[in-house]
Amino acid sequence: MKIDRKAISGIALGTCLIAFGMLAGVAVERMRFDHKRAGILARYDEAAREWREFRTELERIVDPHLRH
């Protein structure tokens, strides 16, 4: 059975389009994940900053001569 060049070209083009679509999907999902992760890390950083401030204030109350 002989396959003509048009069929081979169509199959190759279809394969390339499917591969490109899969790569684009992976890239978009990665960007969405990074965006969600950035929000979580921002909240964590804020909580850590507030905790450090609270501890510093407690240290100042216990020993007012501390300089921070």
Protein backbone atom coordinates (compact mmCIF):
# COMPACT_ATOMS: atom_id res chain seq x y z
CA MET A 1 0.00 0.00 0.00
CA LYS A 2 1.38 3.30 -1.08
CA ILE A 3 0.74 6.45 0.98
CA ASP A 4 0.96 9.71 -0.92
CA ARG A 5 2.88 12.78 0.21
CA LYS A 6 -0.27 14.72 1.09
CA ALA A 7 -1.29 12.09 3.63
CA ILE A 8 2.18 11.97 5.17
CA SER A 9 2.28 15.78 5.35
CA GLY A 10 -1.15 15.82 6.99
CA ILE A 11 -0.15 13.24 9.55
CA ALA A 12 3.08 15.11 10.32
CA LEU A 13 1.23 18.42 10.64
CA GLY A 14 -1.42 16.87 12.88
CA THR A 15 1.24 15.33 15.10
CA CYS A 16 3.05 18.66 15.39
CA LEU A 17 -0.16 20.49 16.25
CA ILE A 18 -1.05 17.94 18.92
CA ALA A 19 2.45 18.17 20.43
CA PHE A 20 2.30 21.98 20.39
CA GLY A 21 -1.12 21.92 22.03
CA MET A 22 0.13 19.63 24.78
CA LEU A 23 3.18 21.82 25.44
CA ALA A 24 1.02 24.94 25.51
CA GLY A 25 -1.33 23.25 27.99
CA VAL A 26 1.56 22.31 30.25
CA ALA A 27 2.92 25.87 30.11
CA VAL A 28 -0.46 27.42 30.95
CA GLU A 29 -1.02 25.02 33.85
CA ARG A 30 2.47 25.81 35.19
CA MET A 31 1.72 29.55 35.07
CA ARG A 32 -1.56 29.02 36.94
CA PHE A 33 0.21 26.93 39.58
CA ASP A 34 2.94 29.56 40.03
CA HIS A 35 0.30 32.29 40.40
CA LYS A 36 -1.50 30.35 43.15
CA ARG A 37 1.80 29.54 44.83
CA ALA A 38 2.83 33.20 44.84
CA GLY A 39 -0.38 34.12 46.66
CA ILE A 40 0.18 31.46 49.30
CA LEU A 41 3.80 32.50 49.81
CA ALA A 42 2.78 36.16 50.15
CA ARG A 43 0.33 35.25 52.94
CA TYR A 44 3.01 33.14 54.63
CA ASP A 45 5.54 35.99 54.44
CA GLU A 46 3.01 38.40 55.96
CA ALA A 47 2.24 35.99 58.82
CA ALA A 48 5.95 35.45 59.48
CA ARG A 49 6.55 39.22 59.52
CA GLU A 50 3.68 39.76 61.98
CA TRP A 51 5.02 36.96 64.20
CA ARG A 52 8.52 38.52 64.25
CA GLU A 53 7.04 41.90 65.14
CA PHE A 54 5.00 40.32 67.95
CA ARG A 55 8.06 38.54 69.38
CA THR A 56 10.11 41.73 69.18
CA GLU A 57 7.42 43.64 71.03
CA LEU A 58 7.32 40.96 73.74
CA GLU A 59 11.10 41.16 74.12
CA ARG A 60 10.85 44.95 74.52
CA ILE A 61 8.20 44.53 77.20
CA VAL A 62 10.29 41.98 79.11
CA ASP A 63 13.57 43.95 78.79
CA PRO A 64 13.01 47.58 77.82
CA HIS A 65 16.75 48.15 77.41
CA LEU A 66 16.96 45.94 74.33
CA ARG A 67 17.64 47.83 71.14
CA HIS A 68 16.16 46.35 67.93
